[in-house]
N, C-alpha and C. Protein backbone atom coordinates (compact mmCIF):
# COMPACT_ATOMS: atom_id res chain seq x y z
N UNK A 1 -4.23 -20.89 4.43
CA UNK A 1 -4.52 -20.00 3.30
C UNK A 1 -3.26 -19.84 2.46
N UNK A 2 -3.41 -19.94 1.13
CA UNK A 2 -2.27 -19.84 0.24
C UNK A 2 -1.67 -18.45 0.29
N UNK A 3 -0.34 -18.40 0.18
CA UNK A 3 0.32 -17.11 0.18
C UNK A 3 0.02 -16.37 -1.12
N UNK A 4 -0.12 -15.04 -1.00
CA UNK A 4 -0.37 -14.22 -2.18
C UNK A 4 0.90 -14.14 -3.02
N UNK A 5 0.80 -14.34 -4.33
CA UNK A 5 2.00 -14.28 -5.16
C UNK A 5 2.63 -12.90 -5.15
N UNK A 6 3.94 -12.86 -5.25
CA UNK A 6 4.67 -11.59 -5.26
C UNK A 6 4.61 -11.01 -6.67
N UNK A 7 3.90 -9.91 -6.81
CA UNK A 7 3.75 -9.26 -8.11
C UNK A 7 3.69 -7.74 -7.96
N UNK A 8 4.05 -7.06 -9.04
CA UNK A 8 3.80 -5.63 -9.17
C UNK A 8 2.94 -5.47 -10.42
N UNK A 9 1.71 -5.01 -10.24
CA UNK A 9 0.78 -4.85 -11.35
C UNK A 9 0.65 -3.38 -11.71
N UNK A 10 0.77 -3.08 -12.99
CA UNK A 10 0.64 -1.71 -13.48
C UNK A 10 -0.83 -1.42 -13.75
N UNK A 11 -1.36 -0.38 -13.14
CA UNK A 11 -2.75 0.01 -13.39
C UNK A 11 -2.79 1.04 -14.51
N UNK A 12 -3.78 0.94 -15.42
CA UNK A 12 -3.86 1.88 -16.54
C UNK A 12 -3.89 3.33 -16.05
N UNK A 13 -2.91 4.13 -16.46
CA UNK A 13 -2.80 5.54 -16.07
C UNK A 13 -2.85 5.73 -14.56
N UNK A 14 -2.45 4.70 -13.84
CA UNK A 14 -2.50 4.75 -12.38
C UNK A 14 -1.26 4.18 -11.74
N UNK A 15 -1.37 3.75 -10.49
CA UNK A 15 -0.20 3.36 -9.71
C UNK A 15 0.27 1.93 -9.99
N UNK A 16 1.32 1.56 -9.28
CA UNK A 16 1.76 0.17 -9.20
C UNK A 16 1.09 -0.45 -7.99
N UNK A 17 0.47 -1.60 -8.16
CA UNK A 17 -0.12 -2.32 -7.04
C UNK A 17 0.84 -3.47 -6.68
N UNK A 18 1.37 -3.40 -5.48
CA UNK A 18 2.35 -4.38 -5.02
C UNK A 18 1.62 -5.40 -4.15
N UNK A 19 1.76 -6.67 -4.50
CA UNK A 19 1.10 -7.74 -3.76
C UNK A 19 2.12 -8.76 -3.28
N UNK A 20 1.81 -9.39 -2.15
CA UNK A 20 2.65 -10.45 -1.65
C UNK A 20 3.55 -10.07 -0.50
N UNK A 21 3.18 -9.01 0.23
CA UNK A 21 3.95 -8.58 1.41
C UNK A 21 5.42 -8.32 1.07
N UNK A 22 5.64 -7.59 -0.02
CA UNK A 22 7.00 -7.29 -0.47
C UNK A 22 7.60 -6.18 0.40
N UNK A 23 8.76 -6.42 1.00
CA UNK A 23 9.41 -5.36 1.79
C UNK A 23 9.75 -4.15 0.92
N UNK A 24 9.56 -2.96 1.49
CA UNK A 24 9.88 -1.71 0.80
C UNK A 24 10.89 -0.95 1.65
N UNK A 25 11.99 -0.52 1.03
CA UNK A 25 12.99 0.25 1.75
C UNK A 25 13.51 1.37 0.86
N UNK A 26 14.30 2.25 1.43
CA UNK A 26 14.92 3.35 0.69
C UNK A 26 16.39 3.03 0.48
N UNK A 27 16.88 3.28 -0.72
CA UNK A 27 18.31 3.12 -1.02
C UNK A 27 18.83 4.39 -1.67
N UNK A 28 20.07 4.71 -1.37
CA UNK A 28 20.73 5.86 -1.99
C UNK A 28 22.16 5.47 -2.32
N UNK A 29 22.76 6.18 -3.25
CA UNK A 29 24.13 5.89 -3.66
C UNK A 29 25.12 6.54 -2.71
N UNK A 30 26.17 5.80 -2.38
CA UNK A 30 27.32 6.35 -1.68
C UNK A 30 28.29 6.83 -2.76
N UNK A 31 28.65 8.11 -2.74
CA UNK A 31 29.48 8.67 -3.80
C UNK A 31 30.85 9.08 -3.27
N UNK A 32 31.82 9.15 -4.17
CA UNK A 32 33.17 9.56 -3.82
C UNK A 32 33.25 11.08 -3.73
N UNK A 33 34.41 11.57 -3.35
CA UNK A 33 34.63 13.02 -3.31
C UNK A 33 34.56 13.65 -4.71
N UNK A 34 34.57 12.78 -5.74
CA UNK A 34 34.46 13.26 -7.12
C UNK A 34 33.04 13.11 -7.67
N UNK A 35 32.12 12.69 -6.81
CA UNK A 35 30.74 12.52 -7.23
C UNK A 35 30.47 11.21 -7.95
N UNK A 36 31.38 10.25 -7.83
CA UNK A 36 31.22 8.97 -8.50
C UNK A 36 30.46 7.99 -7.60
N UNK A 37 29.37 7.37 -8.09
CA UNK A 37 28.68 6.35 -7.29
C UNK A 37 29.61 5.17 -7.04
N UNK A 38 29.70 4.74 -5.77
CA UNK A 38 30.60 3.66 -5.40
C UNK A 38 29.86 2.40 -4.96
N UNK A 39 28.83 2.57 -4.13
CA UNK A 39 28.06 1.44 -3.65
C UNK A 39 26.70 1.95 -3.18
N UNK A 40 25.89 1.05 -2.63
CA UNK A 40 24.54 1.41 -2.21
C UNK A 40 24.43 1.46 -0.68
N UNK A 41 23.69 2.44 -0.19
CA UNK A 41 23.35 2.53 1.23
C UNK A 41 21.85 2.26 1.36
N UNK A 42 21.46 1.36 2.28
CA UNK A 42 20.05 1.03 2.44
C UNK A 42 19.58 1.37 3.84
N UNK A 43 18.31 1.74 3.95
CA UNK A 43 17.68 2.04 5.22
C UNK A 43 16.78 0.88 5.64
N UNK A 44 16.22 0.99 6.81
CA UNK A 44 15.35 -0.07 7.32
C UNK A 44 14.10 -0.21 6.46
N UNK A 45 13.53 -1.40 6.47
CA UNK A 45 12.28 -1.64 5.74
C UNK A 45 11.19 -0.74 6.32
N UNK A 46 10.49 -0.04 5.42
CA UNK A 46 9.43 0.88 5.85
C UNK A 46 8.03 0.35 5.62
N UNK A 47 7.92 -0.72 4.85
CA UNK A 47 6.60 -1.25 4.48
C UNK A 47 6.69 -2.74 4.22
N UNK A 48 5.70 -3.49 4.69
CA UNK A 48 5.62 -4.90 4.33
C UNK A 48 4.17 -5.37 4.45
N UNK A 49 3.24 -4.50 4.08
CA UNK A 49 1.84 -4.88 4.07
C UNK A 49 1.56 -5.84 2.92
N UNK A 50 0.50 -6.65 3.03
CA UNK A 50 0.19 -7.61 1.97
C UNK A 50 0.01 -6.94 0.60
N UNK A 51 -0.63 -5.76 0.58
CA UNK A 51 -0.86 -5.03 -0.67
C UNK A 51 -0.67 -3.54 -0.41
N UNK A 52 0.00 -2.85 -1.32
CA UNK A 52 0.10 -1.39 -1.22
C UNK A 52 0.30 -0.81 -2.61
N UNK A 53 0.02 0.49 -2.75
CA UNK A 53 0.07 1.16 -4.05
C UNK A 53 1.17 2.21 -4.06
N UNK A 54 1.98 2.17 -5.11
CA UNK A 54 3.09 3.11 -5.25
C UNK A 54 2.86 4.03 -6.44
N UNK A 55 3.19 5.29 -6.25
CA UNK A 55 2.99 6.32 -7.27
C UNK A 55 3.87 6.06 -8.49
N UNK A 56 3.29 6.29 -9.67
CA UNK A 56 4.12 6.27 -10.88
C UNK A 56 3.92 7.51 -11.74
N UNK A 57 3.08 8.46 -11.28
CA UNK A 57 2.90 9.71 -12.03
C UNK A 57 3.91 10.77 -11.60
N UNK A 58 4.52 10.58 -10.42
CA UNK A 58 5.51 11.53 -9.93
C UNK A 58 4.95 12.72 -9.20
N UNK A 59 3.62 12.77 -9.04
CA UNK A 59 2.99 13.97 -8.47
C UNK A 59 2.37 13.75 -7.10
N UNK A 60 2.42 12.56 -6.57
CA UNK A 60 1.80 12.29 -5.27
C UNK A 60 2.43 13.13 -4.17
N UNK A 61 1.63 13.55 -3.23
CA UNK A 61 2.14 14.30 -2.07
C UNK A 61 2.58 13.33 -0.97
N UNK A 62 2.42 12.03 -1.22
CA UNK A 62 2.79 11.01 -0.24
C UNK A 62 3.83 10.04 -0.81
N UNK A 63 4.68 10.52 -1.71
CA UNK A 63 5.69 9.64 -2.31
C UNK A 63 6.42 8.84 -1.25
N UNK A 64 6.67 7.57 -1.53
CA UNK A 64 6.47 6.85 -2.79
C UNK A 64 5.07 6.29 -2.99
N UNK A 65 4.16 6.56 -2.05
CA UNK A 65 2.82 5.98 -2.14
C UNK A 65 1.91 6.81 -3.04
N UNK A 66 0.95 6.13 -3.64
CA UNK A 66 -0.05 6.80 -4.47
C UNK A 66 -1.09 7.47 -3.58
N UNK A 67 -1.48 8.70 -3.95
CA UNK A 67 -2.55 9.40 -3.23
C UNK A 67 -3.69 9.80 -4.16
N UNK A 68 -3.72 9.21 -5.37
CA UNK A 68 -4.79 9.50 -6.32
C UNK A 68 -4.56 10.70 -7.21
N UNK A 69 -3.40 11.35 -7.08
CA UNK A 69 -3.13 12.56 -7.86
C UNK A 69 -3.11 12.29 -9.36
N UNK A 70 -2.81 11.05 -9.77
CA UNK A 70 -2.76 10.73 -11.20
C UNK A 70 -4.07 11.07 -11.90
N UNK A 71 -5.20 10.92 -11.19
CA UNK A 71 -6.50 11.26 -11.78
C UNK A 71 -6.64 12.77 -11.96
N UNK A 72 -6.17 13.53 -10.98
CA UNK A 72 -6.29 14.99 -11.02
C UNK A 72 -5.44 15.61 -12.12
N UNK A 73 -4.25 15.05 -12.36
CA UNK A 73 -3.34 15.65 -13.33
C UNK A 73 -3.48 15.04 -14.72
N UNK A 74 -4.37 14.05 -14.85
CA UNK A 74 -4.55 13.42 -16.15
C UNK A 74 -3.32 12.67 -16.63
N UNK A 75 -2.72 11.93 -15.74
CA UNK A 75 -1.49 11.20 -16.05
C UNK A 75 -1.69 10.22 -17.19
N UNK A 76 -0.78 10.27 -18.16
CA UNK A 76 -0.79 9.32 -19.27
C UNK A 76 0.28 8.28 -18.99
N UNK A 77 -0.16 7.11 -18.59
CA UNK A 77 0.77 6.04 -18.24
C UNK A 77 0.93 4.99 -19.33
N UNK A 78 0.67 5.38 -20.57
CA UNK A 78 0.76 4.43 -21.67
C UNK A 78 2.09 3.70 -21.64
N UNK A 79 2.03 2.38 -21.73
CA UNK A 79 3.23 1.56 -21.62
C UNK A 79 3.88 1.34 -22.99
N UNK A 80 5.14 1.69 -23.07
CA UNK A 80 5.89 1.57 -24.32
C UNK A 80 7.17 0.76 -24.16
N UNK A 81 7.33 0.12 -23.01
CA UNK A 81 8.53 -0.67 -22.75
C UNK A 81 8.58 -1.88 -23.67
N UNK A 82 9.78 -2.30 -24.04
CA UNK A 82 9.90 -3.49 -24.90
C UNK A 82 9.38 -4.72 -24.19
N UNK A 83 8.65 -5.55 -24.94
CA UNK A 83 8.08 -6.77 -24.36
C UNK A 83 8.92 -8.00 -24.64
N UNK A 84 10.00 -7.82 -25.42
CA UNK A 84 10.86 -8.96 -25.71
C UNK A 84 11.84 -9.17 -24.56
N UNK A 85 12.74 -10.12 -24.70
CA UNK A 85 13.65 -10.47 -23.62
C UNK A 85 14.94 -9.66 -23.68
N UNK A 86 15.63 -9.64 -22.57
CA UNK A 86 16.94 -8.97 -22.50
C UNK A 86 17.88 -9.54 -23.55
N UNK A 87 17.93 -10.84 -23.67
CA UNK A 87 18.85 -11.48 -24.61
C UNK A 87 18.53 -11.12 -26.05
N UNK A 88 17.29 -10.83 -26.36
CA UNK A 88 16.92 -10.42 -27.71
C UNK A 88 17.36 -8.99 -28.01
N UNK A 89 17.49 -8.16 -26.98
CA UNK A 89 17.80 -6.74 -27.17
C UNK A 89 19.27 -6.39 -26.99
N UNK A 90 19.97 -7.14 -26.17
CA UNK A 90 21.28 -6.70 -25.70
C UNK A 90 22.37 -6.82 -26.77
N UNK A 91 23.41 -6.01 -26.57
CA UNK A 91 24.62 -6.10 -27.39
C UNK A 91 25.66 -6.91 -26.62
N UNK A 92 26.42 -7.72 -27.33
CA UNK A 92 27.47 -8.54 -26.74
C UNK A 92 28.78 -7.76 -26.83
N UNK A 93 29.33 -7.36 -25.67
CA UNK A 93 30.55 -6.58 -25.63
C UNK A 93 31.80 -7.45 -25.56
N UNK A 94 31.63 -8.76 -25.47
CA UNK A 94 32.77 -9.67 -25.43
C UNK A 94 33.44 -9.68 -24.07
N UNK A 95 34.74 -9.97 -24.06
CA UNK A 95 35.50 -10.06 -22.84
C UNK A 95 36.31 -11.34 -22.79
N UNK A 96 37.26 -11.40 -21.87
CA UNK A 96 38.08 -12.58 -21.66
C UNK A 96 37.84 -13.12 -20.26
N UNK A 97 37.43 -14.39 -20.16
CA UNK A 97 37.07 -14.95 -18.86
C UNK A 97 35.74 -14.45 -18.36
N UNK A 98 35.11 -13.65 -19.17
CA UNK A 98 33.81 -13.05 -18.87
C UNK A 98 33.22 -12.58 -20.19
N UNK A 99 31.89 -12.62 -20.31
CA UNK A 99 31.23 -12.07 -21.49
C UNK A 99 30.21 -11.05 -21.01
N UNK A 100 30.36 -9.82 -21.49
CA UNK A 100 29.56 -8.69 -21.00
C UNK A 100 28.45 -8.37 -21.99
N UNK A 101 27.26 -8.13 -21.47
CA UNK A 101 26.10 -7.80 -22.30
C UNK A 101 25.52 -6.46 -21.85
N UNK A 102 24.99 -5.72 -22.82
CA UNK A 102 24.54 -4.35 -22.55
C UNK A 102 23.24 -4.06 -23.29
N UNK A 103 22.23 -3.60 -22.56
CA UNK A 103 20.96 -3.18 -23.16
C UNK A 103 20.74 -1.71 -22.80
N UNK A 104 21.14 -0.82 -23.70
CA UNK A 104 21.03 0.63 -23.43
C UNK A 104 19.58 1.08 -23.24
N UNK A 105 18.63 0.33 -23.77
CA UNK A 105 17.23 0.77 -23.72
C UNK A 105 16.66 0.81 -22.31
N UNK A 106 17.29 0.10 -21.36
CA UNK A 106 16.76 0.09 -19.99
C UNK A 106 17.74 0.70 -18.99
N UNK A 107 18.74 1.44 -19.50
CA UNK A 107 19.71 2.10 -18.62
C UNK A 107 19.04 3.24 -17.87
N UNK A 108 19.32 3.36 -16.56
CA UNK A 108 18.74 4.44 -15.75
C UNK A 108 19.78 5.48 -15.39
N UNK A 109 21.00 5.34 -15.92
CA UNK A 109 22.08 6.31 -15.71
C UNK A 109 22.43 6.47 -14.23
N UNK A 110 22.49 5.33 -13.54
CA UNK A 110 22.84 5.37 -12.11
C UNK A 110 24.32 5.68 -11.90
N UNK A 111 25.15 5.38 -12.89
CA UNK A 111 26.54 5.80 -12.85
C UNK A 111 27.54 4.83 -12.25
N UNK A 112 27.10 3.63 -11.87
CA UNK A 112 28.02 2.68 -11.27
C UNK A 112 28.93 2.01 -12.30
N UNK A 113 28.66 2.21 -13.58
CA UNK A 113 29.41 1.55 -14.64
C UNK A 113 30.68 2.28 -15.03
N UNK A 114 30.99 3.38 -14.37
CA UNK A 114 32.20 4.11 -14.72
C UNK A 114 32.67 5.04 -13.62
N UNK A 115 33.84 5.58 -13.82
CA UNK A 115 34.39 6.59 -12.91
C UNK A 115 35.23 7.56 -13.72
N UNK A 116 35.94 8.45 -13.07
CA UNK A 116 36.68 9.47 -13.80
C UNK A 116 37.85 8.89 -14.58
N UNK A 117 38.22 7.63 -14.31
CA UNK A 117 39.36 7.01 -14.98
C UNK A 117 38.93 6.12 -16.15
N UNK A 118 37.88 5.35 -15.97
CA UNK A 118 37.48 4.41 -17.01
C UNK A 118 36.02 4.03 -16.83
N UNK A 119 35.57 3.07 -17.67
CA UNK A 119 34.20 2.57 -17.58
C UNK A 119 34.15 1.14 -18.12
N UNK A 120 33.00 0.51 -17.97
CA UNK A 120 32.85 -0.89 -18.36
C UNK A 120 33.20 -1.12 -19.83
N UNK A 121 32.80 -0.20 -20.71
CA UNK A 121 33.00 -0.38 -22.15
C UNK A 121 34.50 -0.30 -22.50
N UNK A 122 35.22 0.60 -21.85
CA UNK A 122 36.65 0.71 -22.10
C UNK A 122 37.43 -0.43 -21.45
N UNK A 123 36.93 -0.93 -20.32
CA UNK A 123 37.66 -1.95 -19.57
C UNK A 123 37.45 -3.37 -20.09
N UNK A 124 36.30 -3.63 -20.71
CA UNK A 124 35.99 -4.99 -21.14
C UNK A 124 37.06 -5.61 -22.05
N UNK A 125 37.63 -4.88 -23.01
CA UNK A 125 38.69 -5.50 -23.83
C UNK A 125 39.93 -5.90 -23.03
N UNK A 126 40.08 -5.34 -21.83
CA UNK A 126 41.24 -5.65 -21.01
C UNK A 126 40.98 -6.68 -19.93
N UNK A 127 39.89 -7.44 -20.07
CA UNK A 127 39.53 -8.39 -19.01
C UNK A 127 40.36 -9.67 -19.02
N UNK A 128 41.39 -9.73 -19.88
CA UNK A 128 42.35 -10.82 -19.74
C UNK A 128 43.18 -10.64 -18.47
N UNK A 129 43.16 -9.42 -17.93
CA UNK A 129 43.77 -9.13 -16.63
C UNK A 129 42.69 -9.36 -15.57
N UNK A 130 42.94 -10.26 -14.62
CA UNK A 130 41.92 -10.61 -13.62
C UNK A 130 41.53 -9.45 -12.73
N UNK A 131 42.45 -8.48 -12.52
CA UNK A 131 42.12 -7.31 -11.71
C UNK A 131 41.07 -6.46 -12.43
N UNK A 132 41.28 -6.25 -13.72
CA UNK A 132 40.31 -5.51 -14.52
C UNK A 132 38.99 -6.26 -14.57
N UNK A 133 39.08 -7.57 -14.74
CA UNK A 133 37.86 -8.39 -14.83
C UNK A 133 37.03 -8.27 -13.56
N UNK A 134 37.67 -8.30 -12.40
CA UNK A 134 36.94 -8.21 -11.13
C UNK A 134 36.31 -6.83 -10.97
N UNK A 135 36.98 -5.79 -11.46
CA UNK A 135 36.40 -4.44 -11.39
C UNK A 135 35.17 -4.33 -12.27
N UNK A 136 35.23 -4.91 -13.45
CA UNK A 136 34.08 -4.91 -14.36
C UNK A 136 32.91 -5.66 -13.72
N UNK A 137 33.20 -6.81 -13.13
CA UNK A 137 32.14 -7.58 -12.47
C UNK A 137 31.48 -6.77 -11.37
N UNK A 138 32.28 -6.10 -10.55
CA UNK A 138 31.74 -5.32 -9.43
C UNK A 138 30.88 -4.17 -9.93
N UNK A 139 31.31 -3.50 -10.99
CA UNK A 139 30.53 -2.39 -11.55
C UNK A 139 29.18 -2.89 -12.06
N UNK A 140 29.22 -4.01 -12.79
CA UNK A 140 27.99 -4.55 -13.37
C UNK A 140 27.01 -4.98 -12.28
N UNK A 141 27.51 -5.57 -11.22
CA UNK A 141 26.64 -6.08 -10.17
C UNK A 141 25.95 -4.97 -9.39
N UNK A 142 26.44 -3.73 -9.48
CA UNK A 142 25.80 -2.60 -8.80
C UNK A 142 24.81 -1.86 -9.70
N UNK A 143 24.72 -2.28 -10.97
CA UNK A 143 23.78 -1.67 -11.90
C UNK A 143 22.36 -2.04 -11.48
N UNK A 144 21.52 -1.08 -11.11
CA UNK A 144 20.19 -1.43 -10.58
C UNK A 144 19.23 -2.00 -11.61
N UNK A 145 19.34 -1.58 -12.85
CA UNK A 145 18.36 -2.00 -13.86
C UNK A 145 18.70 -3.33 -14.50
N UNK A 146 19.95 -3.79 -14.35
CA UNK A 146 20.37 -4.98 -15.07
C UNK A 146 20.62 -4.70 -16.53
N UNK A 147 20.77 -3.41 -16.90
CA UNK A 147 21.11 -3.07 -18.29
C UNK A 147 22.43 -3.70 -18.67
N UNK A 148 23.32 -3.82 -17.68
CA UNK A 148 24.58 -4.53 -17.87
C UNK A 148 24.50 -5.86 -17.14
N UNK A 149 24.99 -6.92 -17.78
CA UNK A 149 25.06 -8.23 -17.14
C UNK A 149 26.27 -8.95 -17.70
N UNK A 150 26.60 -10.08 -17.09
CA UNK A 150 27.74 -10.84 -17.61
C UNK A 150 27.54 -12.33 -17.36
N UNK A 151 28.27 -13.11 -18.16
CA UNK A 151 28.30 -14.55 -17.98
C UNK A 151 29.75 -15.00 -17.79
N UNK A 152 29.91 -16.11 -17.12
CA UNK A 152 31.21 -16.77 -16.98
C UNK A 152 31.03 -18.21 -17.45
N UNK A 153 31.82 -18.60 -18.44
CA UNK A 153 31.70 -19.94 -19.04
C UNK A 153 30.27 -20.21 -19.50
N UNK A 154 29.62 -19.17 -20.00
CA UNK A 154 28.28 -19.30 -20.56
C UNK A 154 27.14 -19.22 -19.56
N UNK A 155 27.46 -19.17 -18.26
CA UNK A 155 26.42 -19.11 -17.23
C UNK A 155 26.25 -17.68 -16.73
N UNK A 156 25.01 -17.22 -16.69
CA UNK A 156 24.75 -15.87 -16.19
C UNK A 156 25.04 -15.80 -14.70
N UNK A 157 25.76 -14.77 -14.32
CA UNK A 157 26.10 -14.55 -12.92
C UNK A 157 25.36 -13.32 -12.43
N UNK A 158 24.57 -13.47 -11.39
CA UNK A 158 23.79 -12.37 -10.84
C UNK A 158 24.08 -12.23 -9.36
N UNK A 159 24.10 -10.99 -8.84
CA UNK A 159 24.28 -10.82 -7.40
C UNK A 159 23.10 -11.40 -6.64
N UNK A 160 23.35 -11.89 -5.44
CA UNK A 160 22.28 -12.43 -4.59
C UNK A 160 21.54 -11.26 -3.95
N UNK A 161 20.38 -10.97 -4.47
CA UNK A 161 19.59 -9.82 -4.00
C UNK A 161 18.28 -10.31 -3.39
N UNK A 162 17.80 -9.66 -2.34
CA UNK A 162 16.55 -10.08 -1.68
C UNK A 162 15.33 -9.75 -2.52
N UNK A 163 14.25 -10.46 -2.25
CA UNK A 163 12.97 -10.12 -2.89
C UNK A 163 12.41 -8.91 -2.17
N UNK A 164 12.61 -7.74 -2.77
CA UNK A 164 12.15 -6.49 -2.15
C UNK A 164 12.11 -5.39 -3.18
N UNK A 165 11.51 -4.27 -2.77
CA UNK A 165 11.47 -3.07 -3.61
C UNK A 165 12.20 -1.97 -2.87
N UNK A 166 13.09 -1.30 -3.58
CA UNK A 166 13.80 -0.17 -3.00
C UNK A 166 13.39 1.10 -3.72
N UNK A 167 13.15 2.15 -2.94
CA UNK A 167 12.90 3.47 -3.50
C UNK A 167 14.26 4.15 -3.59
N UNK A 168 14.77 4.34 -4.80
CA UNK A 168 16.04 5.04 -4.97
C UNK A 168 15.79 6.53 -4.84
N UNK A 169 16.51 7.17 -3.95
CA UNK A 169 16.33 8.59 -3.70
C UNK A 169 16.40 9.39 -4.99
N UNK A 170 15.35 10.16 -5.27
CA UNK A 170 15.23 11.00 -6.47
C UNK A 170 15.33 10.18 -7.75
N UNK A 171 15.00 8.90 -7.67
CA UNK A 171 15.10 8.02 -8.83
C UNK A 171 13.98 7.00 -8.87
N UNK A 172 14.22 5.89 -9.56
CA UNK A 172 13.16 4.91 -9.80
C UNK A 172 12.91 3.97 -8.63
N UNK A 173 11.98 3.08 -8.83
CA UNK A 173 11.78 1.93 -7.94
C UNK A 173 12.70 0.82 -8.43
N UNK A 174 13.37 0.19 -7.50
CA UNK A 174 14.31 -0.87 -7.85
C UNK A 174 13.78 -2.19 -7.31
N UNK A 175 13.34 -3.06 -8.22
CA UNK A 175 12.82 -4.37 -7.87
C UNK A 175 13.95 -5.39 -7.95
N UNK A 176 14.10 -6.18 -6.90
CA UNK A 176 15.17 -7.18 -6.89
C UNK A 176 14.61 -8.55 -6.50
N UNK A 177 15.37 -9.57 -6.87
CA UNK A 177 15.01 -10.92 -6.46
C UNK A 177 14.02 -11.63 -7.34
N UNK A 178 13.77 -11.10 -8.55
CA UNK A 178 12.88 -11.81 -9.48
C UNK A 178 11.41 -11.57 -9.25
N UNK A 179 11.01 -10.33 -9.02
CA UNK A 179 9.60 -9.99 -8.83
C UNK A 179 8.90 -9.89 -10.19
N UNK A 180 7.75 -10.54 -10.29
CA UNK A 180 6.97 -10.49 -11.53
C UNK A 180 6.29 -9.14 -11.70
N UNK A 181 6.48 -8.52 -12.86
CA UNK A 181 5.81 -7.27 -13.21
C UNK A 181 4.79 -7.56 -14.29
N UNK A 182 3.54 -7.14 -14.04
CA UNK A 182 2.47 -7.35 -15.00
C UNK A 182 2.04 -6.03 -15.62
N UNK A 183 1.96 -5.99 -16.93
CA UNK A 183 1.47 -4.80 -17.63
C UNK A 183 -0.01 -4.59 -17.32
N UNK A 184 -0.51 -3.42 -17.69
CA UNK A 184 -1.91 -3.11 -17.39
C UNK A 184 -2.88 -3.99 -18.17
N UNK A 185 -2.38 -4.63 -19.24
CA UNK A 185 -3.25 -5.55 -19.98
C UNK A 185 -3.18 -6.96 -19.42
N UNK A 186 -2.45 -7.13 -18.31
CA UNK A 186 -2.36 -8.42 -17.65
C UNK A 186 -1.22 -9.30 -18.14
N UNK A 187 -0.53 -8.88 -19.20
CA UNK A 187 0.58 -9.66 -19.74
C UNK A 187 1.84 -9.43 -18.90
N UNK A 188 2.62 -10.47 -18.68
CA UNK A 188 3.82 -10.33 -17.85
C UNK A 188 5.03 -9.84 -18.62
N UNK A 189 5.87 -9.08 -17.93
CA UNK A 189 7.20 -8.78 -18.46
C UNK A 189 8.12 -9.94 -18.12
N UNK A 190 9.26 -9.99 -18.79
CA UNK A 190 10.28 -10.97 -18.46
C UNK A 190 10.70 -10.81 -17.00
N UNK A 191 10.76 -11.90 -16.25
CA UNK A 191 11.19 -11.85 -14.86
C UNK A 191 12.71 -11.79 -14.82
N UNK A 192 13.24 -10.78 -14.12
CA UNK A 192 14.69 -10.63 -13.99
C UNK A 192 15.04 -10.33 -12.54
N UNK A 193 16.27 -10.56 -12.20
CA UNK A 193 16.77 -10.31 -10.84
C UNK A 193 16.78 -8.84 -10.49
N UNK A 194 16.98 -7.99 -11.51
CA UNK A 194 17.06 -6.54 -11.30
C UNK A 194 16.19 -5.84 -12.33
N UNK A 195 15.27 -5.01 -11.85
CA UNK A 195 14.38 -4.24 -12.73
C UNK A 195 14.16 -2.87 -12.09
N UNK A 196 14.14 -1.83 -12.91
CA UNK A 196 13.84 -0.49 -12.39
C UNK A 196 12.59 0.06 -13.08
N UNK A 197 11.66 0.55 -12.26
CA UNK A 197 10.39 1.09 -12.74
C UNK A 197 10.34 2.60 -12.54
N UNK A 198 9.82 3.29 -13.53
CA UNK A 198 9.69 4.75 -13.48
C UNK A 198 8.72 5.16 -12.38
N UNK A 199 9.10 6.20 -11.61
CA UNK A 199 8.15 6.79 -10.66
C UNK A 199 8.12 8.32 -10.78
N UNK A 200 8.79 8.87 -11.83
CA UNK A 200 8.73 10.31 -12.06
C UNK A 200 7.63 10.67 -13.05
N UNK A 201 7.18 9.67 -13.83
CA UNK A 201 6.12 9.91 -14.81
C UNK A 201 6.61 10.36 -16.17
N UNK A 202 7.93 10.50 -16.36
CA UNK A 202 8.46 11.07 -17.60
C UNK A 202 9.13 10.07 -18.52
N UNK A 203 9.29 8.83 -18.10
CA UNK A 203 10.00 7.86 -18.93
C UNK A 203 9.30 7.67 -20.27
N UNK A 204 10.11 7.50 -21.31
CA UNK A 204 9.57 7.20 -22.63
C UNK A 204 9.42 5.69 -22.82
N UNK A 205 9.77 4.92 -21.78
CA UNK A 205 9.67 3.46 -21.85
C UNK A 205 8.86 2.92 -20.67
N UNK A 206 7.81 3.62 -20.31
CA UNK A 206 6.98 3.19 -19.19
C UNK A 206 6.54 1.73 -19.36
N UNK A 207 6.47 0.96 -18.29
CA UNK A 207 6.72 1.38 -16.91
C UNK A 207 8.19 1.35 -16.50
N UNK A 208 9.09 0.98 -17.41
CA UNK A 208 10.50 0.93 -17.06
C UNK A 208 11.10 2.33 -17.00
N UNK A 209 12.09 2.49 -16.16
CA UNK A 209 12.81 3.76 -16.05
C UNK A 209 13.80 3.87 -17.21
N UNK A 210 13.94 5.07 -17.77
CA UNK A 210 14.93 5.31 -18.82
C UNK A 210 15.88 6.45 -18.46
N UNK A 211 15.87 6.83 -17.17
CA UNK A 211 16.75 7.89 -16.73
C UNK A 211 16.17 9.28 -16.85
N UNK A 212 14.92 9.42 -17.28
CA UNK A 212 14.33 10.75 -17.50
C UNK A 212 14.18 11.56 -16.23
N UNK A 213 14.19 10.90 -15.06
CA UNK A 213 14.04 11.63 -13.79
C UNK A 213 15.16 12.65 -13.60
N UNK A 214 16.32 12.38 -14.16
CA UNK A 214 17.43 13.32 -14.02
C UNK A 214 17.16 14.61 -14.78
N UNK A 215 16.73 14.50 -16.03
CA UNK A 215 16.41 15.69 -16.82
C UNK A 215 15.22 16.44 -16.26
N UNK A 216 14.27 15.67 -15.69
CA UNK A 216 13.05 16.29 -15.16
C UNK A 216 13.27 16.94 -13.81
N UNK A 217 14.41 16.68 -13.18
CA UNK A 217 14.68 17.24 -11.85
C UNK A 217 13.78 16.64 -10.79
N UNK A 218 13.42 15.37 -10.96
CA UNK A 218 12.52 14.71 -10.02
C UNK A 218 13.14 14.56 -8.65
N UNK A 219 12.35 14.82 -7.62
CA UNK A 219 12.80 14.61 -6.24
C UNK A 219 11.76 13.80 -5.50
N UNK A 220 12.24 13.01 -4.57
CA UNK A 220 11.30 12.25 -3.77
C UNK A 220 11.86 10.90 -3.36
């Protein structure tokens, strides 16, 4: 029997349907004594069924799973995310020995792009220094949404991430490894190594996360 393709399908005003036995785990940020995100901590895989449904209204009593609450609360899941490609949207920040690209429209404000001393935008002009360049690379590679990316000698460099879905504590779903996301009309989004999907129900760019969970005080 043919293997089921790995996809996340958005249901109209409903959940995400995950197909293809995609592993599901929980991830949280490891932060410094100053509250700065430093790296990711992951837990054991909690799910790997052939098909399962994940909440995107933010109101399920079984988070991250859907329990049908979207129908009771009249969830409006209208999709407004950009359908064009990252390269069509992003700004080129330049760099030396590296070229940095930034798409603010899909930023989830995870905070790995800066610290109390500096950030990717301030550091990029100084990437003629290899130490600075390596720090910029490390920051970008921890960005869950892929809002920040970089190329070296014209080739896109991406971290080696598994095909799985991570539930970020009090944040979005983090899809890694090139999982296909299909809109509710059946049309596909651009396949990327890193994608973050809203699960608080408040994003203005559904189904993508735009960081609204922070303002909404979402927990789960």
